[in-house]
Amino acid sequence: MKHYIHAILFCFAAAGLTSCSEEENPQFDKDTFTKIYDNNKFNSSNFAIDMRQTPDGGFLILGGRIIPDDSIYTGIYLMKVDEFGNFVREIEVDGTSVNPVASLATFQTKYYFVCTDRSSLQAQVASVDANLEAVTITPVQGGLSYPAAASFIDNNFVVVGYNNVDRLTTMSIVSPEGGVLAYKGFMIEPGDAVEQPIMDHFVRTGRKFPFAVGKAPNGMYYFNGFYNYTFSLVFTDMVADDPNGVVQGSLNDGGFSAITPISGNKFAAARFNFGDNYLMPNREIPTSGISSSSKLGGYSLPEMVANAKVRIVRATVDQKNILIYGTDTKSKQIGLLYYNESTGEFINSRYLGFSNPFEIVSMTQTEDEGLAVCGMTQVAGRFGRITVFKISKEQLQQDVAALMP
């Protein structure tokens, strides 16, 4: 299989920007590129969380940053790049708002994400325009603490968080203006056994759990988080006090690493179990009753790192519906694995990365029917830097054409 990698390194100097390009064809630069965003501040540490394409063809990247003299909270970092991947602007949001979480959502002309008030630890809704002219922070009413993940569904946020007083995983429907439209709490445990790994997740001193939240095609909301001592996939109608369905993991060591609805009770998913990884394209998952994720099977890929991060995108390539799984591999590359959405059949793979180690953060299909992949890399083996790969429509077509009718 051919690999199409076009490398450009950008250096952000203190007094200006410099760049070098290996390709002079503007159209090629637009369709296919790799960018690593570096700077000369050795103590600078920004990392990507999510990415969305903007109407001008560029990309808005939501990230975090290390706040000087603060070992607990993560600041908010935003970066805009143009359609060629060139750096345009960055904002380091005031440190009174911290811990931004995915996903970055588009609503009307603004881009929204959820974060936390540094003093009260209550949830906030942040918005910004496509050009990063200004950031607006709105408190969420209702005392929602420690947001862990958010999705934008039916013009509102669905937020999963943690109530550290009552030991609850919380699920809320929140308007873009910060109003709480619905709320449910689900018991984790009465004691402290799960408290430490959850707090380690929030302050980034331990393992990062794949918290997620969404809505199934049958109308059930779901969250991927802790319930009844165990990291589980929980379904709720947001009416009943108890969950409508629970797919249990294995305490902290097993559960879902990614979940994307397809239709009915069918999902594209991935799970982890004591370090092993299993991919489950087009898998029926029960949304009612009690079941176990370890009994769902899946394709095991030894090339994936232990408890690998997984991102899933539903994409249309040459009028074919496919699933693209992005993950971290033992070769320190980002692996893209293509599956037929209707059958779950494996189609092909592509690997991104060169020289430095790379890790997956986010993926999105672009308006020109290509694919943009946001990731992290290490410069000189020690400086974490944001990177963006752009794969063209033609390259995706070549990837899936050989094995998909």
Protein backbone atom coordinates (compact mmCIF):
# COMPACT_ATOMS: atom_id res chain seq x y z
CA MET A 1 0.00 0.00 0.00
CA LYS A 2 1.28 3.47 -0.84
CA HIS A 3 1.79 6.12 1.79
CA TYR A 4 1.33 9.77 0.88
CA ILE A 5 3.10 11.93 3.43
CA HIS A 6 4.07 15.52 2.79
CA ALA A 7 6.08 16.96 5.68
CA ILE A 8 6.22 20.61 6.62
CA LEU A 9 7.63 21.88 9.93
CA PHE A 10 6.42 25.20 11.29
CA CYS A 11 8.40 27.04 13.98
CA PHE A 12 6.68 29.70 16.04
CA ALA A 13 9.37 32.20 16.92
CA ALA A 14 8.87 34.68 19.72
CA ALA A 15 8.93 37.63 17.34
CA GLY A 16 7.32 36.01 14.31
CA LEU A 17 6.65 32.89 12.29
CA THR A 18 8.93 31.00 9.97
CA SER A 19 8.10 28.10 7.72
CA CYS A 20 9.62 25.81 5.18
CA SER A 21 7.83 23.80 2.51
CA GLU A 22 8.92 20.83 0.45
CA GLU A 23 6.15 21.32 -2.09
CA GLU A 24 5.44 24.34 -4.27
CA ASN A 25 2.13 23.17 -5.76
CA PRO A 26 -0.58 25.02 -3.77
CA GLN A 27 -3.32 22.53 -4.63
CA PHE A 28 -1.22 19.63 -3.44
CA ASP A 29 -0.48 21.50 -0.21
CA LYS A 30 -4.22 21.97 0.30
CA ASP A 31 -5.22 18.38 -0.38
CA THR A 32 -2.37 16.52 1.31
CA PHE A 33 -0.05 17.72 4.03
CA THR A 34 1.51 16.98 7.39
CA LYS A 35 2.15 19.84 9.81
CA ILE A 36 3.96 19.87 13.13
CA TYR A 37 3.45 23.04 15.16
CA ASP A 38 6.59 23.81 17.10
CA ASN A 39 7.79 26.80 19.11
CA ASN A 40 11.03 27.97 20.69
CA LYS A 41 9.66 28.10 24.25
CA PHE A 42 11.22 24.99 25.73
CA ASN A 43 8.90 25.07 28.73
CA SER A 44 5.78 25.38 26.55
CA SER A 45 3.50 22.38 26.74
CA ASN A 46 0.28 22.42 24.72
CA PHE A 47 -1.68 19.36 23.70
CA ALA A 48 -4.63 18.77 21.37
CA ILE A 49 -8.06 17.59 22.51
CA ASP A 50 -10.32 17.94 19.45
CA MET A 51 -10.49 19.51 15.99
CA ARG A 52 -13.20 20.88 13.68
CA GLN A 53 -13.08 22.25 10.15
CA THR A 54 -14.13 25.88 9.69
CA PRO A 55 -16.14 27.33 6.74
CA ASP A 56 -12.99 28.76 5.14
CA GLY A 57 -11.53 25.24 4.85
CA GLY A 58 -9.17 25.69 7.77
CA PHE A 59 -9.28 23.99 11.15
CA LEU A 60 -9.94 25.02 14.73
CA ILE A 61 -8.07 22.98 17.34
CA LEU A 62 -9.14 22.80 20.96
CA GLY A 63 -6.29 21.99 23.28
CA GLY A 64 -4.97 22.15 26.80
CA ARG A 65 -1.91 23.87 28.19
CA ILE A 66 0.18 23.60 31.31
CA ILE A 67 -0.41 26.59 33.59
CA PRO A 68 2.86 27.82 35.14
CA ASP A 69 3.11 27.10 38.86
CA ASP A 70 -0.05 24.98 38.78
CA SER A 71 0.43 21.21 39.04
CA ILE A 72 -3.30 20.39 39.23
CA TYR A 73 -5.33 22.11 36.53
CA THR A 74 -4.96 22.22 32.76
CA GLY A 75 -5.45 25.55 30.99
CA ILE A 76 -7.30 26.10 27.71
CA TYR A 77 -5.46 26.50 24.41
CA LEU A 78 -7.07 27.26 21.03
CA MET A 79 -5.33 27.34 17.64
CA LYS A 80 -6.57 28.25 14.16
CA VAL A 81 -4.85 26.98 10.99
CA ASP A 82 -5.82 27.70 7.38
CA GLU A 83 -6.81 25.30 4.61
CA PHE A 84 -3.14 24.56 3.91
CA GLY A 85 -2.46 23.81 7.56
CA ASN A 86 -0.59 27.09 8.06
CA PHE A 87 -0.71 28.61 11.53
CA VAL A 88 -3.07 31.61 11.75
CA ARG A 89 -3.70 32.44 15.39
CA GLU A 90 -3.63 31.03 18.91
CA ILE A 91 -5.31 31.94 22.20
CA GLU A 92 -4.29 30.96 25.71
CA VAL A 93 -7.52 31.42 27.64
CA ASP A 94 -7.30 33.06 31.05
CA GLY A 95 -6.45 30.49 33.73
CA THR A 96 -9.69 31.05 35.63
CA SER A 97 -11.26 28.50 33.27
CA VAL A 98 -9.55 25.08 33.04
CA ASN A 99 -9.83 21.43 32.00
CA PRO A 100 -11.48 21.65 28.55
CA VAL A 101 -13.07 18.42 27.33
CA ALA A 102 -14.08 17.01 23.94
CA SER A 103 -15.97 17.47 21.86
CA LEU A 104 -15.61 20.78 20.06
CA ALA A 105 -19.10 21.49 18.70
CA THR A 106 -20.42 23.69 15.90
CA PHE A 107 -23.64 25.63 16.43
CA GLN A 108 -24.79 28.45 14.18
CA THR A 109 -21.65 30.59 13.69
CA LYS A 110 -19.83 29.64 16.89
CA TYR A 111 -17.71 26.76 18.19
CA TYR A 112 -18.54 25.49 21.67
CA PHE A 113 -16.84 23.32 24.26
CA VAL A 114 -17.26 22.52 27.95
CA CYS A 115 -14.71 23.42 30.62
CA THR A 116 -14.47 24.00 34.40
CA ASP A 117 -14.34 27.04 36.64
CA ARG A 118 -10.98 26.90 38.42
CA SER A 119 -12.32 28.12 41.77
CA SER A 120 -15.71 26.41 42.06
CA LEU A 121 -14.92 23.33 39.88
CA GLN A 122 -18.34 23.79 38.27
CA ALA A 123 -18.98 23.27 34.56
CA GLN A 124 -18.88 26.12 32.06
CA VAL A 125 -19.81 26.46 28.39
CA ALA A 126 -17.23 28.27 26.26
CA SER A 127 -17.78 29.64 22.76
CA VAL A 128 -15.49 31.15 20.15
CA ASP A 129 -15.84 32.33 16.56
CA ALA A 130 -14.11 30.61 13.65
CA ASN A 131 -11.31 33.20 13.55
CA LEU A 132 -10.51 33.11 17.29
CA GLU A 133 -11.38 36.76 17.72
CA ALA A 134 -12.84 36.30 21.22
CA VAL A 135 -13.78 33.61 23.74
CA THR A 136 -16.96 33.80 25.83
CA ILE A 137 -17.33 31.75 29.03
CA THR A 138 -20.80 31.05 30.48
CA PRO A 139 -21.35 29.28 33.85
CA VAL A 140 -23.59 26.20 33.77
CA GLN A 141 -26.47 26.57 36.19
CA GLY A 142 -27.20 23.71 38.57
CA GLY A 143 -23.91 22.82 40.22
CA LEU A 144 -22.45 20.40 37.66
CA SER A 145 -18.91 19.52 38.69
CA TYR A 146 -15.93 17.89 36.96
CA PRO A 147 -17.19 17.56 33.36
CA ALA A 148 -15.45 14.61 31.69
CA ALA A 149 -16.89 14.54 28.15
CA ALA A 150 -19.56 16.31 26.10
CA SER A 151 -21.40 15.86 22.82
CA PHE A 152 -23.63 18.33 21.01
CA ILE A 153 -26.96 16.65 20.23
CA ASP A 154 -30.26 18.22 19.15
CA ASN A 155 -28.83 21.73 19.67
CA ASN A 156 -27.84 21.05 23.28
CA PHE A 157 -24.84 19.63 25.08
CA VAL A 158 -25.06 16.21 26.68
CA VAL A 159 -22.45 16.21 29.43
CA VAL A 160 -21.06 13.41 31.59
CA GLY A 161 -19.36 14.52 34.79
CA TYR A 162 -18.38 13.49 38.30
CA ASN A 163 -19.98 14.51 41.59
CA ASN A 164 -17.15 13.98 44.07
CA VAL A 165 -19.36 14.72 47.10
CA ASP A 166 -22.01 12.05 46.51
CA ARG A 167 -19.77 9.73 44.44
CA LEU A 168 -21.99 9.94 41.36
CA THR A 169 -21.42 9.89 37.64
CA THR A 170 -23.71 12.64 36.39
CA MET A 171 -25.41 13.06 33.04
CA SER A 172 -26.91 16.39 32.05
CA ILE A 173 -28.52 18.06 29.06
CA VAL A 174 -27.23 21.63 28.92
CA SER A 175 -28.23 24.46 26.59
CA PRO A 176 -25.56 26.54 24.83
CA GLU A 177 -26.55 29.34 27.23
CA GLY A 178 -25.67 27.20 30.25
CA GLY A 179 -29.16 26.15 31.37
CA VAL A 180 -29.58 22.60 32.69
CA LEU A 181 -32.57 20.99 30.94
CA ALA A 182 -32.26 17.51 32.49
CA TYR A 183 -30.04 15.81 35.06
CA LYS A 184 -29.47 12.30 36.40
CA GLY A 185 -26.95 10.91 38.85
CA PHE A 186 -25.72 7.31 38.89
CA MET A 187 -24.05 5.77 41.92
CA ILE A 188 -20.43 4.69 41.59
CA GLU A 189 -19.74 3.53 45.15
CA PRO A 190 -20.18 4.76 48.71
CA GLY A 191 -16.47 4.54 49.53
CA ASP A 192 -13.18 5.78 48.11
CA ALA A 193 -11.82 2.85 46.07
CA VAL A 194 -12.69 4.39 42.68
CA GLU A 195 -12.17 7.99 43.77
CA GLN A 196 -8.39 8.07 43.28
CA PRO A 197 -8.23 6.86 39.64
CA ILE A 198 -11.06 9.24 38.70
CA MET A 199 -9.32 12.23 40.26
CA ASP A 200 -6.01 11.14 38.72
CA HIS A 201 -7.79 11.32 35.35
CA PHE A 202 -8.91 14.90 35.94
CA VAL A 203 -5.56 16.21 37.14
CA ARG A 204 -3.63 14.19 34.52
CA THR A 205 -1.45 12.36 37.03
CA GLY A 206 -2.72 8.90 36.11
CA ARG A 207 -4.47 6.98 33.40
CA LYS A 208 -6.82 8.92 31.11
CA PHE A 209 -10.13 7.06 30.86
CA PRO A 210 -12.13 7.17 27.59
CA PHE A 211 -15.17 8.98 28.99
CA ALA A 212 -17.80 9.54 26.30
CA VAL A 213 -21.44 10.51 25.95
CA GLY A 214 -24.00 10.36 23.16
CA LYS A 215 -27.42 9.34 21.95
CA ALA A 216 -28.34 6.01 20.35
CA PRO A 217 -30.61 5.81 17.27
CA ASN A 218 -33.39 4.32 19.45
CA GLY A 219 -33.52 7.55 21.49
CA MET A 220 -31.56 6.32 24.52
CA TYR A 221 -28.79 8.51 25.83
CA TYR A 222 -25.58 6.79 26.88
CA PHE A 223 -22.40 7.53 28.74
CA ASN A 224 -19.12 5.68 28.95
CA GLY A 225 -17.95 6.07 32.54
CA PHE A 226 -18.06 4.67 36.06
CA TYR A 227 -21.19 3.02 37.44
CA ASN A 228 -21.51 0.54 40.31
CA TYR A 229 -17.71 0.33 40.87
CA THR A 230 -17.03 -0.45 37.21
CA PHE A 231 -16.13 1.44 34.03
CA SER A 232 -19.26 0.69 31.99
CA LEU A 233 -21.40 1.75 29.04
CA VAL A 234 -24.69 2.98 30.56
CA PHE A 235 -27.94 3.67 28.69
CA THR A 236 -30.65 5.93 30.12
CA ASP A 237 -33.84 7.61 28.97
CA MET A 238 -33.09 10.49 31.39
CA VAL A 239 -36.45 9.79 33.07
CA ALA A 240 -36.06 6.63 35.16
CA ASP A 241 -33.83 6.87 38.23
CA ASP A 242 -32.00 3.63 37.35
CA PRO A 243 -30.21 2.92 34.07
CA ASN A 244 -32.21 1.28 31.31
CA GLY A 245 -29.19 -0.79 30.31
CA VAL A 246 -25.63 -1.40 31.46
CA VAL A 247 -22.78 -3.07 29.57
CA GLN A 248 -20.32 -3.74 32.37
CA GLY A 249 -16.57 -3.58 32.05
CA SER A 250 -13.99 -5.10 34.40
CA LEU A 251 -13.56 -2.59 37.24
CA ASN A 252 -10.91 -0.14 35.93
CA ASP A 253 -9.34 -2.67 33.56
CA GLY A 254 -12.03 -3.30 30.97
CA GLY A 255 -14.73 -1.44 29.06
CA PHE A 256 -15.31 0.52 25.89
CA SER A 257 -12.57 2.70 24.45
CA ALA A 258 -14.81 4.16 21.71
CA ILE A 259 -18.48 3.98 20.72
CA THR A 260 -20.28 5.40 17.65
CA PRO A 261 -23.96 4.74 16.84
CA ILE A 262 -24.86 3.35 13.40
CA SER A 263 -28.53 2.34 13.38
CA GLY A 264 -30.97 0.64 15.76
CA ASN A 265 -28.89 -1.18 18.35
CA LYS A 266 -25.88 -1.38 16.03
CA PHE A 267 -22.71 0.49 16.89
CA ALA A 268 -19.14 0.83 15.74
CA ALA A 269 -17.14 0.28 18.90
CA ALA A 270 -13.84 -0.70 20.43
CA ARG A 271 -13.11 -2.14 23.84
CA PHE A 272 -10.15 -2.82 26.10
CA ASN A 273 -9.66 -5.66 28.56
CA PHE A 274 -6.57 -5.85 30.80
CA GLY A 275 -4.44 -4.19 28.13
CA ASP A 276 -5.80 -6.05 25.12
CA ASN A 277 -7.81 -4.23 22.44
CA TYR A 278 -10.77 -5.40 20.37
CA LEU A 279 -12.43 -3.60 17.44
CA MET A 280 -16.13 -4.17 16.83
CA PRO A 281 -17.36 -2.57 13.61
CA ASN A 282 -21.10 -3.03 13.08
CA ARG A 283 -21.84 -4.78 16.36
CA GLU A 284 -25.25 -5.07 18.04
CA ILE A 285 -24.99 -3.88 21.64
CA PRO A 286 -27.89 -4.34 24.09
CA THR A 287 -29.31 -1.03 25.36
CA SER A 288 -31.43 -2.66 28.07
CA GLY A 289 -30.68 -5.09 30.88
CA ILE A 290 -27.27 -6.03 32.27
CA SER A 291 -24.56 -7.47 30.03
CA SER A 292 -20.78 -7.69 29.86
CA SER A 293 -18.44 -6.04 27.37
CA SER A 294 -16.00 -8.96 27.65
CA LYS A 295 -18.56 -11.23 25.93
CA LEU A 296 -18.90 -9.04 22.84
CA GLY A 297 -15.78 -10.43 21.13
CA GLY A 298 -14.21 -8.30 18.42
CA TYR A 299 -11.12 -8.23 16.26
CA SER A 300 -7.87 -8.28 18.23
CA LEU A 301 -4.96 -6.32 16.73
CA PRO A 302 -1.58 -7.06 18.38
CA GLU A 303 -0.08 -3.97 16.71
CA MET A 304 -2.10 -1.66 18.99
CA VAL A 305 -0.53 -0.40 22.22
CA ALA A 306 -2.01 -1.62 25.51
CA ASN A 307 -5.37 0.02 26.31
CA ALA A 308 -5.01 2.03 23.11
CA LYS A 309 -6.86 5.26 22.39
CA VAL A 310 -9.38 4.74 19.59
CA ARG A 311 -11.28 7.27 17.47
CA ILE A 312 -14.04 6.31 15.03
CA VAL A 313 -15.37 8.32 12.07
CA ARG A 314 -18.29 7.39 9.84
CA ALA A 315 -17.25 8.53 6.37
CA THR A 316 -18.47 8.42 2.77
CA VAL A 317 -15.78 7.58 0.25
CA ASP A 318 -16.67 7.31 -3.42
CA GLN A 319 -20.34 6.90 -2.42
CA LYS A 320 -19.44 4.04 -0.07
CA ASN A 321 -20.20 4.15 3.66
CA ILE A 322 -17.14 3.17 5.64
CA LEU A 323 -15.86 3.29 9.20
CA ILE A 324 -12.41 4.69 9.86
CA TYR A 325 -10.76 3.63 13.11
CA GLY A 326 -7.79 5.69 14.25
CA THR A 327 -5.50 4.30 16.96
CA ASP A 328 -1.99 4.25 18.42
CA THR A 329 0.39 1.49 17.33
CA LYS A 330 3.49 -0.07 18.81
CA SER A 331 5.48 1.31 15.88
CA LYS A 332 4.70 4.81 17.24
CA GLN A 333 2.57 5.61 14.21
CA ILE A 334 -1.12 6.48 13.96
CA GLY A 335 -2.94 3.54 12.40
CA LEU A 336 -6.02 4.11 10.24
CA LEU A 337 -8.14 0.99 9.76
CA TYR A 338 -10.99 1.00 7.23
CA TYR A 339 -14.12 -1.16 7.60
CA ASN A 340 -17.29 -1.62 5.55
CA GLU A 341 -20.02 0.03 7.63
CA SER A 342 -22.81 -2.33 6.54
CA THR A 343 -20.91 -5.61 7.00
CA GLY A 344 -18.07 -4.81 9.41
CA GLU A 345 -15.62 -6.31 6.91
CA PHE A 346 -12.02 -5.06 7.02
CA ILE A 347 -11.02 -3.12 3.90
CA ASN A 348 -7.54 -1.66 4.24
CA SER A 349 -5.16 0.27 6.47
CA ARG A 350 -2.89 3.31 6.35
CA TYR A 351 -0.20 4.46 8.77
CA LEU A 352 0.70 8.05 9.55
CA GLY A 353 3.95 9.24 11.06
CA PHE A 354 7.63 9.40 10.40
CA SER A 355 10.77 9.73 12.52
CA ASN A 356 9.03 11.01 15.68
CA PRO A 357 6.43 9.06 17.71
CA PHE A 358 2.82 10.05 16.92
CA GLU A 359 -0.46 9.55 18.82
CA ILE A 360 -4.08 9.95 17.71
CA VAL A 361 -6.26 12.77 19.07
CA SER A 362 -9.14 13.42 16.68
CA MET A 363 -10.36 12.80 13.12
CA THR A 364 -12.88 14.49 10.85
CA GLN A 365 -13.97 14.02 7.25
CA THR A 366 -13.37 17.28 5.42
CA GLU A 367 -15.67 19.23 3.10
CA ASP A 368 -13.57 18.16 0.10
CA GLU A 369 -14.22 14.49 1.07
CA GLY A 370 -10.72 13.97 2.41
CA LEU A 371 -9.76 13.20 5.99
CA ALA A 372 -8.04 15.38 8.59
CA VAL A 373 -6.29 13.71 11.53
CA CYS A 374 -5.13 15.66 14.56
CA GLY A 375 -2.47 14.11 16.74
CA MET A 376 0.46 14.67 19.05
CA THR A 377 4.13 14.04 18.46
CA GLN A 378 7.40 14.44 20.37
CA VAL A 379 10.03 16.81 18.99
CA ALA A 380 13.59 15.89 19.99
CA GLY A 381 12.09 13.11 22.08
CA ARG A 382 10.85 15.44 24.81
CA PHE A 383 8.69 18.33 23.56
CA GLY A 384 5.04 17.46 22.97
CA ARG A 385 3.70 19.20 19.86
CA ILE A 386 0.39 19.28 18.00
CA THR A 387 0.30 17.86 14.49
CA VAL A 388 -2.26 17.70 11.67
CA PHE A 389 -2.34 15.24 8.78
CA LYS A 390 -4.52 15.92 5.73
CA ILE A 391 -5.38 12.97 3.47
CA SER A 392 -6.94 13.76 0.10
CA LYS A 393 -10.18 12.43 -1.36
CA GLU A 394 -8.18 10.59 -4.01
CA GLN A 395 -6.02 8.86 -1.42
CA LEU A 396 -9.08 7.69 0.52
CA GLN A 397 -10.60 6.37 -2.70
CA GLN A 398 -7.43 4.42 -3.44
CA ASP A 399 -7.41 3.02 0.10
CA VAL A 400 -10.93 1.59 -0.12
CA ALA A 401 -11.29 0.83 -3.85
CA ALA A 402 -9.24 -2.36 -3.96
CA LEU A 403 -11.31 -4.44 -1.53
CA MET A 404 -14.74 -2.79 -1.48
CA PRO A 405 -17.18 -3.21 -4.38
